[in-house]
């Protein structure tokens, strides 16, 4: 079935400013466009959600984030409804290339009102979970292989130094 993105999720905003995080230390992660910023003593979301970078560098970047966490104001919460599996939705949104909806010359922005119209193939929830699980496993395998490559690279460099000395 073909639906629009806005049919399977809602948006929510964050008003947290990164500068206001000083003095807040705790166990709840807070994220920005580049990933984890720090751990604070509060959270805004009790369930896993999708975050979209809506302002500045990296607009349109999509990431799935855990329960009991928050994002700063340059990001937007995307909350999936019961019709869609969160893993399926995050991979679908990554494929959509939301950055194409940007506006603004100095600081680029994207708005949910624009990208909520993006078409989405929506199979049965059971099929969505299967597809999301497969893609998640592939992503984990790629991360593992990248770690392996990094370790092999370190090994080659250390063997070179061992054989020829440190230049």
C-alpha atoms as a PDB file:
ATOM      1  CA  UNK A   1       0.000   0.000   0.000  1.00  0.00           C
ATOM      2  CA  UNK A   2       1.290   3.488  -0.853  1.00  0.00           C
ATOM      3  CA  UNK A   3       0.896   6.157   1.855  1.00  0.00           C
ATOM      4  CA  UNK A   4       2.505   9.453   2.726  1.00  0.00           C
ATOM      5  CA  UNK A   5       5.076   9.810   5.478  1.00  0.00           C
ATOM      6  CA  UNK A   6       2.720  12.047   7.479  1.00  0.00           C
ATOM      7  CA  UNK A   7       0.116   9.238   7.539  1.00  0.00           C
ATOM      8  CA  UNK A   8       2.346   6.995   9.685  1.00  0.00           C
ATOM      9  CA  UNK A   9       4.061   9.437  12.049  1.00  0.00           C
ATOM     10  CA  UNK A  10       3.763  12.687  13.952  1.00  0.00           C
ATOM     11  CA  UNK A  11       6.357  15.339  14.627  1.00  0.00           C
ATOM     12  CA  UNK A  12       7.345  17.002  17.855  1.00  0.00           C
ATOM     13  CA  UNK A  13       9.773  19.829  18.505  1.00  0.00           C
ATOM     14  CA  UNK A  14      12.544  20.391  20.985  1.00  0.00           C
ATOM     15  CA  UNK A  15      13.309  23.750  22.529  1.00  0.00           C
ATOM     16  CA  UNK A  16      16.512  22.600  24.257  1.00  0.00           C
ATOM     17  CA  UNK A  17      19.476  24.881  23.583  1.00  0.00           C
ATOM     18  CA  UNK A  18      22.894  23.246  23.812  1.00  0.00           C
ATOM     19  CA  UNK A  19      24.258  26.122  25.934  1.00  0.00           C
ATOM     20  CA  UNK A  20      21.564  25.463  28.555  1.00  0.00           C
ATOM     21  CA  UNK A  21      22.896  21.947  29.207  1.00  0.00           C
ATOM     22  CA  UNK A  22      25.711  23.197  31.408  1.00  0.00           C
ATOM     23  CA  UNK A  23      25.212  21.989  34.966  1.00  0.00           C
ATOM     24  CA  UNK A  24      22.889  19.173  33.899  1.00  0.00           C
ATOM     25  CA  UNK A  25      24.647  15.885  34.573  1.00  0.00           C
ATOM     26  CA  UNK A  26      22.811  12.580  34.660  1.00  0.00           C
ATOM     27  CA  UNK A  27      22.132   9.270  32.968  1.00  0.00           C
ATOM     28  CA  UNK A  28      19.864  10.300  30.065  1.00  0.00           C
ATOM     29  CA  UNK A  29      21.478  10.871  26.652  1.00  0.00           C
ATOM     30  CA  UNK A  30      20.869  14.023  24.673  1.00  0.00           C
ATOM     31  CA  UNK A  31      21.718  14.148  20.967  1.00  0.00           C
ATOM     32  CA  UNK A  32      22.608  16.763  18.391  1.00  0.00           C
ATOM     33  CA  UNK A  33      23.237  16.638  14.646  1.00  0.00           C
ATOM     34  CA  UNK A  34      26.619  14.939  15.164  1.00  0.00           C
ATOM     35  CA  UNK A  35      25.366  12.373  17.651  1.00  0.00           C
ATOM     36  CA  UNK A  36      25.588  12.107  21.432  1.00  0.00           C
ATOM     37  CA  UNK A  37      26.300  15.421  23.156  1.00  0.00           C
ATOM     38  CA  UNK A  38      26.283  14.333  26.796  1.00  0.00           C
ATOM     39  CA  UNK A  39      24.244  12.689  29.543  1.00  0.00           C
ATOM     40  CA  UNK A  40      21.785  14.889  31.431  1.00  0.00           C
ATOM     41  CA  UNK A  41      19.321  14.637  34.318  1.00  0.00           C
ATOM     42  CA  UNK A  42      16.152  14.802  32.176  1.00  0.00           C
ATOM     43  CA  UNK A  43      14.604  13.329  29.046  1.00  0.00           C
ATOM     44  CA  UNK A  44      11.766  14.240  26.673  1.00  0.00           C
ATOM     45  CA  UNK A  45      10.886  10.883  25.048  1.00  0.00           C
ATOM     46  CA  UNK A  46       9.908   7.690  26.854  1.00  0.00           C
ATOM     47  CA  UNK A  47       9.869   5.492  23.738  1.00  0.00           C
ATOM     48  CA  UNK A  48      12.355   5.044  20.866  1.00  0.00           C
ATOM     49  CA  UNK A  49      11.895   7.626  18.111  1.00  0.00           C
ATOM     50  CA  UNK A  50      13.444   8.973  14.949  1.00  0.00           C
ATOM     51  CA  UNK A  51      15.274  12.291  14.944  1.00  0.00           C
ATOM     52  CA  UNK A  52      15.776  14.468  11.873  1.00  0.00           C
ATOM     53  CA  UNK A  53      18.298  17.299  11.635  1.00  0.00           C
ATOM     54  CA  UNK A  54      16.074  20.233  10.665  1.00  0.00           C
ATOM     55  CA  UNK A  55      18.454  23.215  10.917  1.00  0.00           C
ATOM     56  CA  UNK A  56      22.014  23.905   9.821  1.00  0.00           C
ATOM     57  CA  UNK A  57      24.710  21.536   8.639  1.00  0.00           C
ATOM     58  CA  UNK A  58      23.565  17.999   8.023  1.00  0.00           C
ATOM     59  CA  UNK A  59      19.910  18.851   7.435  1.00  0.00           C
ATOM     60  CA  UNK A  60      17.815  15.859   6.548  1.00  0.00           C
ATOM     61  CA  UNK A  61      20.061  13.387   8.398  1.00  0.00           C
ATOM     62  CA  UNK A  62      17.923  10.719  10.046  1.00  0.00           C
ATOM     63  CA  UNK A  63      18.760   8.631  13.104  1.00  0.00           C
ATOM     64  CA  UNK A  64      16.909   6.195  15.338  1.00  0.00           C
ATOM     65  CA  UNK A  65      17.368   7.119  18.998  1.00  0.00           C
ATOM     66  CA  UNK A  66      16.607   5.241  22.217  1.00  0.00           C
ATOM     67  CA  UNK A  67      13.873   5.660  24.798  1.00  0.00           C
ATOM     68  CA  UNK A  68      14.532   8.023  27.709  1.00  0.00           C
ATOM     69  CA  UNK A  69      16.539  10.492  25.658  1.00  0.00           C
ATOM     70  CA  UNK A  70      16.214  13.931  24.056  1.00  0.00           C
ATOM     71  CA  UNK A  71      17.454  16.033  21.158  1.00  0.00           C
ATOM     72  CA  UNK A  72      18.451  19.689  20.986  1.00  0.00           C
ATOM     73  CA  UNK A  73      16.384  22.297  19.160  1.00  0.00           C
ATOM     74  CA  UNK A  74      18.126  21.928  15.786  1.00  0.00           C
ATOM     75  CA  UNK A  75      16.508  18.508  15.504  1.00  0.00           C
ATOM     76  CA  UNK A  76      12.951  17.268  15.286  1.00  0.00           C
ATOM     77  CA  UNK A  77      11.276  14.225  16.801  1.00  0.00           C
ATOM     78  CA  UNK A  78       9.469  11.878  14.421  1.00  0.00           C
ATOM     79  CA  UNK A  79       7.124   9.600  16.356  1.00  0.00           C
ATOM     80  CA  UNK A  80       5.888   6.558  14.426  1.00  0.00           C
ATOM     81  CA  UNK A  81       2.311   5.392  14.968  1.00  0.00           C
ATOM     82  CA  UNK A  82       1.086   1.783  15.273  1.00  0.00           C
ATOM     83  CA  UNK A  83       0.852   1.336  11.474  1.00  0.00           C
ATOM     84  CA  UNK A  84       4.626   1.339  10.992  1.00  0.00           C
ATOM     85  CA  UNK A  85       7.674  -0.411  12.437  1.00  0.00           C
ATOM     86  CA  UNK A  86      10.280   2.096  13.633  1.00  0.00           C
ATOM     87  CA  UNK A  87      13.199   0.228  11.998  1.00  0.00           C
ATOM     88  CA  UNK A  88      11.372   0.067   8.666  1.00  0.00           C
ATOM     89  CA  UNK A  89      10.520   3.760   8.931  1.00  0.00           C
ATOM     90  CA  UNK A  90      14.055   4.929   9.721  1.00  0.00           C
ATOM     91  CA  UNK A  91      15.530   3.070   6.730  1.00  0.00           C
ATOM     92  CA  UNK A  92      12.727   4.380   4.507  1.00  0.00           C
ATOM     93  CA  UNK A  93      13.375   7.941   5.656  1.00  0.00           C
ATOM     94  CA  UNK A  94      17.119   7.594   5.027  1.00  0.00           C
ATOM     95  CA  UNK A  95      16.298   6.565   1.459  1.00  0.00           C
ATOM     96  CA  UNK A  96      13.995   9.591   0.979  1.00  0.00           C
ATOM     97  CA  UNK A  97      16.867  12.130   1.060  1.00  0.00           C
ATOM     98  CA  UNK A  98      14.961  14.741   3.074  1.00  0.00           C
ATOM     99  CA  UNK A  99      17.681  17.357   2.473  1.00  0.00           C
ATOM    100  CA  UNK A 100      16.096  18.052  -0.914  1.00  0.00           C
ATOM    101  CA  UNK A 101      13.344  19.961   0.955  1.00  0.00           C
ATOM    102  CA  UNK A 102      15.732  22.603   2.311  1.00  0.00           C
ATOM    103  CA  UNK A 103      15.028  26.309   2.257  1.00  0.00           C
ATOM    104  CA  UNK A 104      17.003  29.268   3.569  1.00  0.00           C
ATOM    105  CA  UNK A 105      20.252  30.715   2.290  1.00  0.00           C
ATOM    106  CA  UNK A 106      22.250  31.437   5.459  1.00  0.00           C
ATOM    107  CA  UNK A 107      21.022  28.617   7.673  1.00  0.00           C
ATOM    108  CA  UNK A 108      19.249  25.850   5.763  1.00  0.00           C
ATOM    109  CA  UNK A 109      16.014  24.452   7.244  1.00  0.00           C
ATOM    110  CA  UNK A 110      13.607  21.670   6.393  1.00  0.00           C
ATOM    111  CA  UNK A 111      10.016  21.529   7.539  1.00  0.00           C
ATOM    112  CA  UNK A 112       7.805  18.545   8.320  1.00  0.00           C
ATOM    113  CA  UNK A 113       4.941  20.248   6.475  1.00  0.00           C
ATOM    114  CA  UNK A 114       6.983  19.746   3.275  1.00  0.00           C
ATOM    115  CA  UNK A 115       8.532  16.316   3.711  1.00  0.00           C
ATOM    116  CA  UNK A 116       5.454  14.721   5.310  1.00  0.00           C
ATOM    117  CA  UNK A 117       4.079  14.401   1.753  1.00  0.00           C
ATOM    118  CA  UNK A 118       6.912  12.049   0.767  1.00  0.00           C
ATOM    119  CA  UNK A 119       5.449   8.744  -0.567  1.00  0.00           C
ATOM    120  CA  UNK A 120       6.120   5.558   1.379  1.00  0.00           C
ATOM    121  CA  UNK A 121       5.481   1.925   0.469  1.00  0.00           C
ATOM    122  CA  UNK A 122       3.792   0.367   3.482  1.00  0.00           C
ATOM    123  CA  UNK A 123       3.549  -3.431   3.496  1.00  0.00           C
ATOM    124  CA  UNK A 124       1.956  -5.386   6.366  1.00  0.00           C
ATOM    125  CA  UNK A 125       3.561  -4.759   9.758  1.00  0.00           C
ATOM    126  CA  UNK A 126       4.989  -8.303   9.807  1.00  0.00           C
ATOM    127  CA  UNK A 127       6.792  -7.664   6.508  1.00  0.00           C
ATOM    128  CA  UNK A 128       8.001  -4.255   7.761  1.00  0.00           C
ATOM    129  CA  UNK A 129       9.537  -5.882  10.855  1.00  0.00           C
ATOM    130  CA  UNK A 130      11.265  -8.488   8.714  1.00  0.00           C
ATOM    131  CA  UNK A 131      12.698  -5.876   6.328  1.00  0.00           C
ATOM    132  CA  UNK A 132      13.752  -3.603   9.220  1.00  0.00           C
ATOM    133  CA  UNK A 133      15.426  -6.535  10.994  1.00  0.00           C
ATOM    134  CA  UNK A 134      17.352  -7.599   7.895  1.00  0.00           C
ATOM    135  CA  UNK A 135      18.579  -4.049   7.229  1.00  0.00           C
ATOM    136  CA  UNK A 136      19.532  -3.620  10.891  1.00  0.00           C
ATOM    137  CA  UNK A 137      21.583  -6.837  10.785  1.00  0.00           C
ATOM    138  CA  UNK A 138      23.312  -5.680   7.593  1.00  0.00           C
ATOM    139  CA  UNK A 139      24.148  -2.343   9.219  1.00  0.00           C
ATOM    140  CA  UNK A 140      25.624  -4.133  12.277  1.00  0.00           C
ATOM    141  CA  UNK A 141      27.695  -6.378   9.990  1.00  0.00           C
ATOM    142  CA  UNK A 142      29.040  -3.364   8.082  1.00  0.00           C
ATOM    143  CA  UNK A 143      30.012  -1.655  11.371  1.00  0.00           C
ATOM    144  CA  UNK A 144      31.755  -4.835  12.539  1.00  0.00           C
ATOM    145  CA  UNK A 145      33.665  -5.172   9.267  1.00  0.00           C
ATOM    146  CA  UNK A 146      34.710  -1.505   9.438  1.00  0.00           C
ATOM    147  CA  UNK A 147      36.102  -2.138  12.937  1.00  0.00           C
ATOM    148  CA  UNK A 148      37.981  -5.136  11.574  1.00  0.00           C
ATOM    149  CA  UNK A 149      39.452  -3.065   8.738  1.00  0.00           C
ATOM    150  CA  UNK A 150      40.555  -0.402  11.192  1.00  0.00           C
ATOM    151  CA  UNK A 151      42.304  -3.002  13.345  1.00  0.00           C
ATOM    152  CA  UNK A 152      43.990  -4.538  10.293  1.00  0.00           C
ATOM    153  CA  UNK A 153      45.178  -1.080   9.287  1.00  0.00           C
ATOM    154  CA  UNK A 154      46.696  -0.590  12.754  1.00  0.00           C
ATOM    155  CA  UNK A 155      48.318  -4.021  12.503  1.00  0.00           C
ATOM    156  CA  UNK A 156      49.930  -3.211   9.147  1.00  0.00           C
ATOM    157  CA  UNK A 157      51.268   0.099  10.493  1.00  0.00           C
ATOM    158  CA  UNK A 158      52.675  -1.530  13.629  1.00  0.00           C
ATOM    159  CA  UNK A 159      54.337  -4.309  11.603  1.00  0.00           C
ATOM    160  CA  UNK A 160      55.884  -1.702   9.299  1.00  0.00           C
ATOM    161  CA  UNK A 161      57.340   0.135  12.296  1.00  0.00           C
ATOM    162  CA  UNK A 162      58.485  -3.167  13.766  1.00  0.00           C
ATOM    163  CA  UNK A 163      60.302  -4.087  10.539  1.00  0.00           C
ATOM    164  CA  UNK A 164      61.651  -0.699   9.421  1.00  0.00           C
ATOM    165  CA  UNK A 165      61.584   1.519  12.519  1.00  0.00           C
ATOM    166  CA  UNK A 166      59.657   4.685  13.219  1.00  0.00           C
ATOM    167  CA  UNK A 167      60.451   7.221  10.463  1.00  0.00           C
END
